[in-house]
Amino acid sequence: GLLSDDRVVVRKTGGSFAAYGTPWPGEAGIAENRGAPLSGILFLEQSEIDAVKKIGPQEAFERLMPVTSVPWYDVGTMTKVLLFCEELVSAVPAYELAFRPGAGIVTVFEEFVAG
């Protein structure tokens, strides 16, 4: 099931990462109070084709920054958040999920997840 239709919180416990729902839903109203192991990060990209492409840690970090809440005004916390993001993209594989408007991406996504 879905944890959220907007943003999630990512935590590291022991040596693994997990994603958690937040109490603030997006337009679809999905906000689950639970977590799940994080086995990959997908960055959505509108495209003229439906495809999944693996991306490296540097590109994943660059794409993660605009959607991460970073307290730029607090140098100590900012540094911890940036180091966490660097560790996250080094440990968890990242992908670009390119898609055309329509339902065709569902099949591509299901095949990707089935692996």
C-alpha atoms as a PDB file:
ATOM      1  CA  GLY A   1       0.000   0.000   0.000  1.00  0.00           C
ATOM      2  CA  LEU A   2       0.888   3.623  -0.286  1.00  0.00           C
ATOM      3  CA  LEU A   3       2.366   5.523   2.642  1.00  0.00           C
ATOM      4  CA  SER A   4       1.630   8.972   1.255  1.00  0.00           C
ATOM      5  CA  ASP A   5       0.618  10.692  -1.948  1.00  0.00           C
ATOM      6  CA  ASP A   6       2.942  13.591  -1.185  1.00  0.00           C
ATOM      7  CA  ARG A   7       6.134  13.388   0.871  1.00  0.00           C
ATOM      8  CA  VAL A   8       7.530  10.690   3.123  1.00  0.00           C
ATOM      9  CA  VAL A   9      10.061  10.725   5.943  1.00  0.00           C
ATOM     10  CA  VAL A  10      13.170   8.555   5.545  1.00  0.00           C
ATOM     11  CA  ARG A  11      15.019   7.225   8.583  1.00  0.00           C
ATOM     12  CA  LYS A  12      18.056   5.052   9.046  1.00  0.00           C
ATOM     13  CA  THR A  13      17.767   2.398  11.728  1.00  0.00           C
ATOM     14  CA  GLY A  14      20.766   0.181  12.202  1.00  0.00           C
ATOM     15  CA  GLY A  15      22.203  -0.330   8.743  1.00  0.00           C
ATOM     16  CA  SER A  16      19.023   0.060   6.704  1.00  0.00           C
ATOM     17  CA  PHE A  17      16.729   2.823   5.498  1.00  0.00           C
ATOM     18  CA  ALA A  18      12.943   2.931   5.801  1.00  0.00           C
ATOM     19  CA  ALA A  19      10.254   5.305   4.518  1.00  0.00           C
ATOM     20  CA  TYR A  20       7.375   6.473   6.705  1.00  0.00           C
ATOM     21  CA  GLY A  21       4.088   8.188   5.970  1.00  0.00           C
ATOM     22  CA  THR A  22       3.448  11.648   7.366  1.00  0.00           C
ATOM     23  CA  PRO A  23       0.228  13.106   8.783  1.00  0.00           C
ATOM     24  CA  TRP A  24      -0.005  15.577   5.889  1.00  0.00           C
ATOM     25  CA  PRO A  25      -1.703  14.092   2.821  1.00  0.00           C
ATOM     26  CA  GLY A  26      -1.593  15.508  -0.673  1.00  0.00           C
ATOM     27  CA  GLU A  27      -4.506  15.796  -3.089  1.00  0.00           C
ATOM     28  CA  ALA A  28      -5.368  12.073  -2.934  1.00  0.00           C
ATOM     29  CA  GLY A  29      -5.690  12.159   0.876  1.00  0.00           C
ATOM     30  CA  ILE A  30      -3.228   9.311   1.552  1.00  0.00           C
ATOM     31  CA  ALA A  31      -1.354   9.589   4.865  1.00  0.00           C
ATOM     32  CA  GLU A  32      -0.560   6.249   6.510  1.00  0.00           C
ATOM     33  CA  ASN A  33       0.979   6.056   9.984  1.00  0.00           C
ATOM     34  CA  ARG A  34       3.397   3.226   9.191  1.00  0.00           C
ATOM     35  CA  GLY A  35       6.723   2.522   7.573  1.00  0.00           C
ATOM     36  CA  ALA A  36       8.302   0.181   5.053  1.00  0.00           C
ATOM     37  CA  PRO A  37      11.876  -0.785   4.109  1.00  0.00           C
ATOM     38  CA  LEU A  38      13.289   1.473   1.406  1.00  0.00           C
ATOM     39  CA  SER A  39      14.732  -0.673  -1.391  1.00  0.00           C
ATOM     40  CA  GLY A  40      14.879   2.005  -4.087  1.00  0.00           C
ATOM     41  CA  ILE A  41      14.235   5.646  -4.903  1.00  0.00           C
ATOM     42  CA  LEU A  42      12.217   6.594  -7.994  1.00  0.00           C
ATOM     43  CA  PHE A  43      12.362  10.058  -9.490  1.00  0.00           C
ATOM     44  CA  LEU A  44       9.373  10.751 -11.719  1.00  0.00           C
ATOM     45  CA  GLU A  45       9.948  12.401 -15.090  1.00  0.00           C
ATOM     46  CA  GLN A  46       7.334  13.155 -17.724  1.00  0.00           C
ATOM     47  CA  SER A  47       8.593  11.875 -21.054  1.00  0.00           C
ATOM     48  CA  GLU A  48       7.550  10.721 -24.487  1.00  0.00           C
ATOM     49  CA  ILE A  49       8.328   7.119 -23.526  1.00  0.00           C
ATOM     50  CA  ASP A  50       7.612   4.836 -20.562  1.00  0.00           C
ATOM     51  CA  ALA A  51      10.881   3.554 -19.103  1.00  0.00           C
ATOM     52  CA  VAL A  52      12.910   2.938 -15.971  1.00  0.00           C
ATOM     53  CA  LYS A  53      16.576   3.956 -15.983  1.00  0.00           C
ATOM     54  CA  LYS A  54      19.095   3.434 -13.172  1.00  0.00           C
ATOM     55  CA  ILE A  55      20.897   6.597 -12.106  1.00  0.00           C
ATOM     56  CA  GLY A  56      24.064   6.985 -10.083  1.00  0.00           C
ATOM     57  CA  PRO A  57      24.457   8.429  -6.583  1.00  0.00           C
ATOM     58  CA  GLN A  58      25.609  11.873  -7.787  1.00  0.00           C
ATOM     59  CA  GLU A  59      22.577  12.376 -10.044  1.00  0.00           C
ATOM     60  CA  ALA A  60      20.290  10.958  -7.350  1.00  0.00           C
ATOM     61  CA  PHE A  61      21.722  13.436  -4.814  1.00  0.00           C
ATOM     62  CA  GLU A  62      21.211  16.343  -7.214  1.00  0.00           C
ATOM     63  CA  ARG A  63      17.614  15.277  -7.878  1.00  0.00           C
ATOM     64  CA  LEU A  64      16.929  14.701  -4.181  1.00  0.00           C
ATOM     65  CA  MET A  65      17.943  18.198  -3.068  1.00  0.00           C
ATOM     66  CA  PRO A  66      14.942  20.121  -4.514  1.00  0.00           C
ATOM     67  CA  VAL A  67      12.488  17.774  -2.743  1.00  0.00           C
ATOM     68  CA  THR A  68      14.290  17.571   0.601  1.00  0.00           C
ATOM     69  CA  SER A  69      13.546  19.848   3.545  1.00  0.00           C
ATOM     70  CA  VAL A  70      16.981  21.251   4.336  1.00  0.00           C
ATOM     71  CA  PRO A  71      17.283  23.910   7.082  1.00  0.00           C
ATOM     72  CA  TRP A  72      19.799  26.065   5.221  1.00  0.00           C
ATOM     73  CA  TYR A  73      19.751  28.638   8.061  1.00  0.00           C
ATOM     74  CA  ASP A  74      21.128  26.148  10.649  1.00  0.00           C
ATOM     75  CA  VAL A  75      24.628  25.093   9.600  1.00  0.00           C
ATOM     76  CA  GLY A  76      24.902  22.179  12.038  1.00  0.00           C
ATOM     77  CA  THR A  77      21.570  20.596  11.122  1.00  0.00           C
ATOM     78  CA  MET A  78      22.025  21.410   7.429  1.00  0.00           C
ATOM     79  CA  THR A  79      25.332  19.524   7.439  1.00  0.00           C
ATOM     80  CA  LYS A  80      23.710  16.484   9.090  1.00  0.00           C
ATOM     81  CA  VAL A  81      20.853  16.458   6.556  1.00  0.00           C
ATOM     82  CA  LEU A  82      23.252  16.716   3.599  1.00  0.00           C
ATOM     83  CA  LEU A  83      25.444  13.911   4.974  1.00  0.00           C
ATOM     84  CA  PHE A  84      22.320  11.783   5.527  1.00  0.00           C
ATOM     85  CA  CYS A  85      21.225  12.359   1.919  1.00  0.00           C
ATOM     86  CA  GLU A  86      24.692  11.459   0.662  1.00  0.00           C
ATOM     87  CA  GLU A  87      24.645   8.236   2.682  1.00  0.00           C
ATOM     88  CA  LEU A  88      21.106   7.465   1.469  1.00  0.00           C
ATOM     89  CA  VAL A  89      21.904   7.749  -2.248  1.00  0.00           C
ATOM     90  CA  SER A  90      25.117   5.756  -1.742  1.00  0.00           C
ATOM     91  CA  ALA A  91      23.262   2.886  -0.050  1.00  0.00           C
ATOM     92  CA  VAL A  92      19.888   2.793  -1.846  1.00  0.00           C
ATOM     93  CA  PRO A  93      19.659   2.363  -5.638  1.00  0.00           C
ATOM     94  CA  ALA A  94      17.961   5.210  -7.508  1.00  0.00           C
ATOM     95  CA  TYR A  95      16.039   5.235 -10.779  1.00  0.00           C
ATOM     96  CA  GLU A  96      14.322   7.621 -13.131  1.00  0.00           C
ATOM     97  CA  LEU A  97      10.753   6.540 -13.906  1.00  0.00           C
ATOM     98  CA  ALA A  98       9.973   8.220 -17.228  1.00  0.00           C
ATOM     99  CA  PHE A  99       6.341   8.147 -18.272  1.00  0.00           C
ATOM    100  CA  ARG A 100       3.787   9.429 -20.734  1.00  0.00           C
ATOM    101  CA  PRO A 101       0.409  10.590 -19.459  1.00  0.00           C
ATOM    102  CA  GLY A 102      -1.873   7.560 -19.320  1.00  0.00           C
ATOM    103  CA  ALA A 103      -2.050   4.100 -17.810  1.00  0.00           C
ATOM    104  CA  GLY A 104       0.804   2.534 -19.836  1.00  0.00           C
ATOM    105  CA  ILE A 105       3.358   3.272 -17.126  1.00  0.00           C
ATOM    106  CA  VAL A 106       1.555   0.902 -14.754  1.00  0.00           C
ATOM    107  CA  THR A 107       2.718  -2.140 -16.727  1.00  0.00           C
ATOM    108  CA  VAL A 108       6.292  -0.803 -16.927  1.00  0.00           C
ATOM    109  CA  PHE A 109       6.302  -0.148 -13.177  1.00  0.00           C
ATOM    110  CA  GLU A 110       4.845  -3.578 -12.319  1.00  0.00           C
ATOM    111  CA  GLU A 111       7.486  -5.307 -14.481  1.00  0.00           C
ATOM    112  CA  PHE A 112      10.236  -3.237 -12.839  1.00  0.00           C
ATOM    113  CA  VAL A 113       9.072  -4.084  -9.326  1.00  0.00           C
ATOM    114  CA  ALA A 114       8.706  -7.769 -10.185  1.00  0.00           C
ATOM    115  CA  GLY A 115      12.318  -7.542 -11.286  1.00  0.00           C
END
